[in-house]
């Protein structure tokens, strides 16, 4: 499983790092970023919850 935040879509609401701080962080530009591209098994549920909670669907999981 891979995760990516589309920077042009992200509105900087900070929801993803609050849900999954081991996987997402806010950049200095106020846009969320994935800390890890390949999601380990123990963070997959967390990654899915963050993606489903994103109000603008900026988080892409493949």
N, C-alpha and C. Protein backbone atom coordinates (compact mmCIF):
# COMPACT_ATOMS: atom_id res chain seq x y z
N UNK A 1 0.84 -1.17 0.00
CA UNK A 1 0.00 0.00 0.00
C UNK A 1 0.88 1.24 0.00
N UNK A 2 0.51 2.19 -0.87
CA UNK A 2 1.24 3.46 -0.95
C UNK A 2 0.27 4.60 -0.66
N UNK A 3 0.79 5.69 -0.12
CA UNK A 3 -0.05 6.85 0.18
C UNK A 3 0.63 8.11 -0.35
N UNK A 4 -0.20 9.03 -0.81
CA UNK A 4 0.30 10.28 -1.37
C UNK A 4 -0.74 11.37 -1.09
N UNK A 5 -0.27 12.56 -0.73
CA UNK A 5 -1.15 13.71 -0.56
C UNK A 5 -0.96 14.62 -1.77
N UNK A 6 -2.04 14.92 -2.46
CA UNK A 6 -1.97 15.83 -3.61
C UNK A 6 -1.90 17.26 -3.09
N UNK A 7 -0.73 17.91 -3.22
CA UNK A 7 -0.54 19.24 -2.64
C UNK A 7 -1.46 20.30 -3.24
N UNK A 8 -1.83 20.15 -4.51
CA UNK A 8 -2.70 21.15 -5.13
C UNK A 8 -4.15 21.03 -4.65
N UNK A 9 -4.48 19.91 -4.01
CA UNK A 9 -5.84 19.70 -3.50
C UNK A 9 -5.94 19.96 -2.01
N UNK A 10 -4.88 19.69 -1.27
CA UNK A 10 -4.87 19.83 0.19
C UNK A 10 -5.20 21.27 0.59
N UNK A 11 -6.09 21.39 1.59
CA UNK A 11 -6.45 22.72 2.11
C UNK A 11 -5.80 23.01 3.45
N UNK A 12 -4.97 22.09 3.93
CA UNK A 12 -4.24 22.32 5.18
C UNK A 12 -5.09 22.27 6.42
N UNK A 13 -6.12 21.44 6.44
CA UNK A 13 -7.02 21.38 7.60
C UNK A 13 -6.40 20.67 8.80
N UNK A 14 -5.28 19.97 8.60
CA UNK A 14 -4.52 19.27 9.65
C UNK A 14 -5.24 18.04 10.21
N UNK A 15 -6.27 17.55 9.52
CA UNK A 15 -6.99 16.39 9.99
C UNK A 15 -6.16 15.11 9.87
N UNK A 16 -5.46 14.92 8.75
CA UNK A 16 -4.71 13.68 8.55
C UNK A 16 -3.60 13.49 9.59
N UNK A 17 -2.79 14.52 9.91
CA UNK A 17 -1.79 14.27 10.95
C UNK A 17 -2.40 14.10 12.34
N UNK A 18 -3.59 14.64 12.56
CA UNK A 18 -4.22 14.42 13.86
C UNK A 18 -4.76 13.00 13.96
N UNK A 19 -5.15 12.40 12.83
CA UNK A 19 -5.65 11.02 12.82
C UNK A 19 -4.48 10.04 12.80
N UNK A 20 -3.47 10.34 12.01
CA UNK A 20 -2.37 9.39 11.80
C UNK A 20 -1.02 10.12 11.81
N UNK A 21 -0.56 10.55 12.99
CA UNK A 21 0.67 11.34 13.06
C UNK A 21 1.93 10.57 12.68
N UNK A 22 1.89 9.25 12.69
CA UNK A 22 3.05 8.47 12.28
C UNK A 22 3.20 8.41 10.77
N UNK A 23 2.18 8.89 10.05
CA UNK A 23 2.20 8.79 8.60
C UNK A 23 2.15 10.15 7.90
N UNK A 24 1.54 11.15 8.54
CA UNK A 24 1.38 12.46 7.92
C UNK A 24 1.94 13.56 8.80
N UNK A 25 2.41 14.63 8.16
CA UNK A 25 2.85 15.82 8.87
C UNK A 25 2.51 17.04 8.01
N UNK A 26 2.46 18.17 8.64
CA UNK A 26 2.20 19.42 7.93
C UNK A 26 3.54 20.04 7.54
N UNK A 27 3.62 20.50 6.29
CA UNK A 27 4.81 21.18 5.82
C UNK A 27 4.79 22.64 6.25
N UNK A 28 5.90 23.31 6.10
CA UNK A 28 5.98 24.73 6.45
C UNK A 28 5.05 25.58 5.60
N UNK A 29 4.66 25.05 4.44
CA UNK A 29 3.73 25.76 3.57
C UNK A 29 2.27 25.54 3.95
N UNK A 30 2.03 24.77 5.04
CA UNK A 30 0.67 24.52 5.50
C UNK A 30 -0.03 23.39 4.77
N UNK A 31 0.71 22.65 3.97
CA UNK A 31 0.16 21.54 3.20
C UNK A 31 0.64 20.23 3.82
N UNK A 32 -0.28 19.25 3.92
CA UNK A 32 0.06 17.96 4.50
C UNK A 32 0.95 17.17 3.55
N UNK A 33 1.79 16.32 4.14
CA UNK A 33 2.66 15.45 3.38
C UNK A 33 2.69 14.08 4.06
N UNK A 34 2.87 13.05 3.25
CA UNK A 34 3.08 11.72 3.79
C UNK A 34 4.55 11.60 4.21
N UNK A 35 4.78 11.15 5.41
CA UNK A 35 6.14 10.96 5.91
C UNK A 35 6.74 9.70 5.31
N UNK A 36 5.89 8.69 5.10
CA UNK A 36 6.31 7.40 4.56
C UNK A 36 5.46 7.12 3.33
N UNK A 37 6.09 6.77 2.22
CA UNK A 37 5.33 6.48 1.00
C UNK A 37 4.72 5.08 1.04
N UNK A 38 5.49 4.10 1.47
CA UNK A 38 5.00 2.72 1.58
C UNK A 38 4.48 2.51 3.00
N UNK A 39 3.18 2.31 3.13
CA UNK A 39 2.54 2.22 4.44
C UNK A 39 2.74 0.83 5.03
N UNK A 40 3.35 0.74 6.23
CA UNK A 40 3.49 -0.55 6.87
C UNK A 40 2.13 -1.09 7.32
N UNK A 41 2.04 -2.39 7.47
CA UNK A 41 0.78 -3.04 7.82
C UNK A 41 0.08 -2.45 9.02
N UNK A 42 0.84 -2.10 10.04
CA UNK A 42 0.23 -1.59 11.28
C UNK A 42 -0.36 -0.19 11.12
N UNK A 43 -0.04 0.51 10.02
CA UNK A 43 -0.58 1.85 9.80
C UNK A 43 -1.64 1.89 8.69
N UNK A 44 -1.98 0.76 8.11
CA UNK A 44 -2.92 0.76 7.00
C UNK A 44 -4.32 1.21 7.40
N UNK A 45 -4.82 0.76 8.54
CA UNK A 45 -6.13 1.22 8.99
C UNK A 45 -6.14 2.72 9.24
N UNK A 46 -5.07 3.20 9.84
CA UNK A 46 -4.92 4.62 10.13
C UNK A 46 -4.88 5.43 8.83
N UNK A 47 -4.15 4.95 7.84
CA UNK A 47 -4.06 5.62 6.55
C UNK A 47 -5.41 5.67 5.86
N UNK A 48 -6.14 4.57 5.90
CA UNK A 48 -7.47 4.54 5.30
C UNK A 48 -8.43 5.49 6.00
N UNK A 49 -8.36 5.56 7.32
CA UNK A 49 -9.23 6.48 8.07
C UNK A 49 -8.92 7.93 7.70
N UNK A 50 -7.65 8.26 7.59
CA UNK A 50 -7.25 9.62 7.21
C UNK A 50 -7.75 9.96 5.81
N UNK A 51 -7.60 9.02 4.88
CA UNK A 51 -8.05 9.25 3.50
C UNK A 51 -9.56 9.45 3.44
N UNK A 52 -10.30 8.62 4.18
CA UNK A 52 -11.75 8.74 4.17
C UNK A 52 -12.23 10.00 4.88
N UNK A 53 -11.44 10.52 5.80
CA UNK A 53 -11.81 11.71 6.55
C UNK A 53 -11.42 13.02 5.87
N UNK A 54 -10.55 12.96 4.88
CA UNK A 54 -10.09 14.17 4.21
C UNK A 54 -11.27 14.86 3.52
N UNK A 55 -11.55 16.12 3.88
CA UNK A 55 -12.72 16.80 3.33
C UNK A 55 -12.62 17.13 1.83
N UNK A 56 -11.41 17.11 1.28
CA UNK A 56 -11.25 17.41 -0.15
C UNK A 56 -10.65 16.24 -0.94
N UNK A 57 -10.58 15.07 -0.30
CA UNK A 57 -10.08 13.85 -0.94
C UNK A 57 -8.69 14.02 -1.55
N UNK A 58 -7.81 14.68 -0.79
CA UNK A 58 -6.45 14.93 -1.24
C UNK A 58 -5.51 13.74 -1.03
N UNK A 59 -5.93 12.80 -0.19
CA UNK A 59 -5.08 11.65 0.12
C UNK A 59 -5.44 10.51 -0.82
N UNK A 60 -4.44 10.03 -1.54
CA UNK A 60 -4.62 8.94 -2.49
C UNK A 60 -3.87 7.70 -2.00
N UNK A 61 -4.58 6.58 -1.98
CA UNK A 61 -3.99 5.31 -1.55
C UNK A 61 -4.06 4.35 -2.74
N UNK A 62 -2.93 3.73 -3.02
CA UNK A 62 -2.89 2.73 -4.09
C UNK A 62 -2.28 1.45 -3.58
